[in-house]
Amino acid sequence: MNKLNMLFLNEYTNVEELCNAKFGVEGGGVNMYLGTMVSASETKEKIGKWEEDYHTLSKCMHIYNVLALSGNKTRKPQCTKQDIAWLKKFAQRFENQKDSLTRLEKREASKAKFDEKMAKVKPVARNLAIACGVALAINALLEARKDSEEK
C-alpha cells in the first residue's frame, strides 16, 4: 500500500477511536459524529469551523471506505498530505474539546444552565414587580388622602 495511504489510515483510525469513545461504541464513531452534526444543523451557524469539520470529515470517511474496500491493494494515493494534516489537527481539537460538536454541546449545556437559573429568577422578579406595584399604589393612595385632608 502507498505510504501516504498508510499514514492516512493511521490518522483516521485515531479519529475513529476518539469518536467511538465519545459515543460509547466499538465502531462507526465517525459516522455517528457526522450524523449528530446533521441532526444539530440548525445551530451550526453559531459554531466556527462547523461546515469545514462536516465536509472534511465526510471526505475523509469516504477516503477511508475506498481504502478499506481496496483491501490494501491500491498503490495510488487516495488522499493528500493536507487530508492527513487535517485529521491530526481535528484529533487535537477533539482531545482538547474544541471540535465543533463538543463546542455545540458545551454551548447547549451553558444555555440550559442559564435557562434553569432564569426559571428560578423569574418568579422572584415577578413577585418583586408585584410588591413594587403595590407599594406605588399605596403611596398614591396616601398622597391622595393627604391631598384631600389638606383641602
Protein backbone atom coordinates (compact mmCIF):
# COMPACT_ATOMS: atom_id res chain seq x y z
CA MET A 1 0.00 0.00 0.00
CA ASN A 2 1.09 3.56 -0.68
CA LYS A 3 2.85 5.25 2.28
CA LEU A 4 0.51 8.26 2.16
CA ASN A 5 -2.50 5.94 2.33
CA MET A 6 -0.99 4.14 5.34
CA LEU A 7 -0.42 7.44 7.17
CA PHE A 8 -3.98 8.45 6.36
CA LEU A 9 -5.37 5.15 7.70
CA ASN A 10 -3.44 5.59 10.96
CA GLU A 11 -4.74 9.13 11.49
CA TYR A 12 -8.29 8.22 10.51
CA THR A 13 -8.23 5.22 12.87
CA ASN A 14 -7.17 7.56 15.68
CA VAL A 15 -10.11 9.88 14.96
CA GLU A 16 -12.45 6.87 14.71
CA GLU A 17 -11.30 5.65 18.13
CA LEU A 18 -11.88 9.10 19.65
CA CYS A 19 -15.38 9.20 18.18
CA ASN A 20 -16.07 5.62 19.30
CA ALA A 21 -15.14 6.60 22.86
CA LYS A 22 -17.33 9.71 22.70
CA PHE A 23 -20.39 7.73 21.68
CA GLY A 24 -19.55 4.57 23.64
CA VAL A 25 -19.47 2.32 20.57
CA GLU A 26 -16.96 -0.13 19.14
CA GLY A 27 -17.17 1.09 15.56
CA GLY A 28 -18.81 3.70 13.37
CA GLY A 29 -17.94 6.60 15.66
CA VAL A 30 -17.09 8.97 12.81
CA ASN A 31 -20.39 8.12 11.14
CA MET A 32 -22.22 8.82 14.41
CA TYR A 33 -20.34 12.10 14.80
CA LEU A 34 -21.41 13.19 11.32
CA GLY A 35 -25.00 12.04 11.93
CA THR A 36 -25.15 14.05 15.12
CA MET A 37 -23.86 17.09 13.24
CA VAL A 38 -26.65 16.66 10.67
CA SER A 39 -29.33 16.42 13.35
CA ALA A 40 -27.98 19.56 15.06
CA SER A 41 -27.59 21.52 11.86
CA GLU A 42 -29.96 24.36 12.90
CA THR A 43 -27.38 25.63 15.37
CA LYS A 44 -24.30 25.16 13.20
CA GLU A 45 -24.10 28.85 12.24
CA LYS A 46 -23.06 29.63 15.79
CA ILE A 47 -20.07 27.28 15.77
CA GLY A 48 -16.90 28.20 13.88
CA LYS A 49 -15.44 25.52 11.59
CA TRP A 50 -18.73 23.59 11.61
CA GLU A 51 -19.03 23.38 7.83
CA GLU A 52 -15.32 22.63 7.39
CA ASP A 53 -15.44 19.87 10.01
CA TYR A 54 -18.52 18.30 8.48
CA HIS A 55 -17.35 18.35 4.86
CA THR A 56 -13.74 17.39 5.52
CA LEU A 57 -14.65 14.61 7.94
CA SER A 58 -17.17 13.29 5.39
CA LYS A 59 -14.49 13.38 2.72
CA CYS A 60 -12.05 11.54 4.99
CA MET A 61 -14.65 8.89 5.79
CA HIS A 62 -15.15 8.37 2.05
CA ILE A 63 -11.38 8.04 1.50
CA TYR A 64 -11.21 5.55 4.37
CA ASN A 65 -14.04 3.49 2.87
CA VAL A 66 -12.29 3.42 -0.52
CA LEU A 67 -9.06 2.28 1.11
CA ALA A 68 -10.82 -0.31 3.26
CA LEU A 69 -12.67 -1.74 0.26
CA SER A 70 -9.47 -1.94 -1.78
CA GLY A 71 -8.04 -4.37 0.76
CA ASN A 72 -4.62 -2.69 0.88
CA LYS A 73 -4.12 -3.37 -2.83
CA THR A 74 -4.15 0.20 -4.09
CA ARG A 75 -0.75 1.74 -4.76
CA LYS A 76 -2.17 5.04 -5.95
CA PRO A 77 -2.55 7.72 -3.23
CA GLN A 78 -6.20 8.21 -2.37
CA CYS A 79 -5.53 11.16 -0.09
CA THR A 80 -3.34 14.22 0.19
CA LYS A 81 -0.88 15.38 2.83
CA GLN A 82 -3.44 18.06 3.67
CA ASP A 83 -6.03 15.36 4.47
CA ILE A 84 -3.61 13.75 6.91
CA ALA A 85 -2.69 17.10 8.46
CA TRP A 86 -6.38 17.97 8.85
CA LEU A 87 -7.09 14.65 10.61
CA LYS A 88 -4.20 15.31 13.02
CA LYS A 89 -5.48 18.80 13.80
CA PHE A 90 -9.04 17.55 14.17
CA ALA A 91 -7.88 14.87 16.63
CA GLN A 92 -6.03 17.53 18.65
CA ARG A 93 -9.07 19.79 18.70
CA PHE A 94 -11.23 16.79 19.65
CA GLU A 95 -8.91 15.85 22.54
CA ASN A 96 -8.90 19.49 23.70
CA GLN A 97 -12.72 19.61 23.43
CA LYS A 98 -12.56 22.30 20.76
CA ASP A 99 -14.16 20.33 17.93
CA SER A 100 -17.46 21.58 16.54
CA LEU A 101 -19.75 19.05 18.19
CA THR A 102 -18.20 19.38 21.65
CA ARG A 103 -18.35 23.17 21.39
CA LEU A 104 -22.04 22.92 20.49
CA GLU A 105 -22.67 20.56 23.42
CA LYS A 106 -20.93 22.97 25.78
CA ARG A 107 -22.94 25.89 24.44
CA GLU A 108 -26.20 23.98 24.86
CA ALA A 109 -25.25 22.93 28.40
CA SER A 110 -24.41 26.52 29.25
CA LYS A 111 -27.71 27.71 27.78
CA ALA A 112 -29.62 25.05 29.75
CA LYS A 113 -27.88 26.17 32.95
CA PHE A 114 -28.76 29.80 32.18
CA ASP A 115 -32.38 28.89 31.44
CA GLU A 116 -32.56 26.97 34.72
CA LYS A 117 -31.27 29.99 36.63
CA MET A 118 -33.69 32.27 34.82
CA ALA A 119 -36.60 29.97 35.69
CA LYS A 120 -35.71 30.50 39.35
CA VAL A 121 -35.26 34.26 38.93
CA LYS A 122 -38.50 34.91 37.03
CA PRO A 123 -40.83 34.16 39.98
CA VAL A 124 -38.69 36.34 42.25
CA ALA A 125 -38.69 39.15 39.69
CA ARG A 126 -42.45 38.82 39.22
CA ASN A 127 -43.04 38.95 42.97
CA LEU A 128 -40.73 41.94 43.24
CA ALA A 129 -42.62 43.71 40.46
CA ILE A 130 -45.92 42.99 42.21
CA ALA A 131 -44.52 44.27 45.50
CA CYS A 132 -43.28 47.45 43.81
CA GLY A 133 -46.65 47.93 42.16
CA VAL A 134 -48.44 47.51 45.49
CA ALA A 135 -46.03 49.95 47.14
CA LEU A 136 -46.62 52.51 44.40
CA ALA A 137 -50.38 52.07 44.71
CA ILE A 138 -50.26 52.51 48.49
CA ASN A 139 -48.06 55.57 48.08
CA ALA A 140 -50.52 57.03 45.55
CA LEU A 141 -53.44 56.38 47.93
CA LEU A 142 -51.59 58.00 50.81
CA GLU A 143 -50.75 61.03 48.67
CA ALA A 144 -54.38 61.28 47.55
CA ARG A 145 -55.59 61.03 51.18
CA LYS A 146 -53.07 63.65 52.24
CA ASP A 147 -54.23 65.98 49.43
CA SER A 148 -57.89 65.51 50.38
CA GLU A 149 -57.17 66.23 54.08
CA GLU A 150 -55.36 69.44 53.17
CA LYS A 151 -58.35 70.76 51.25
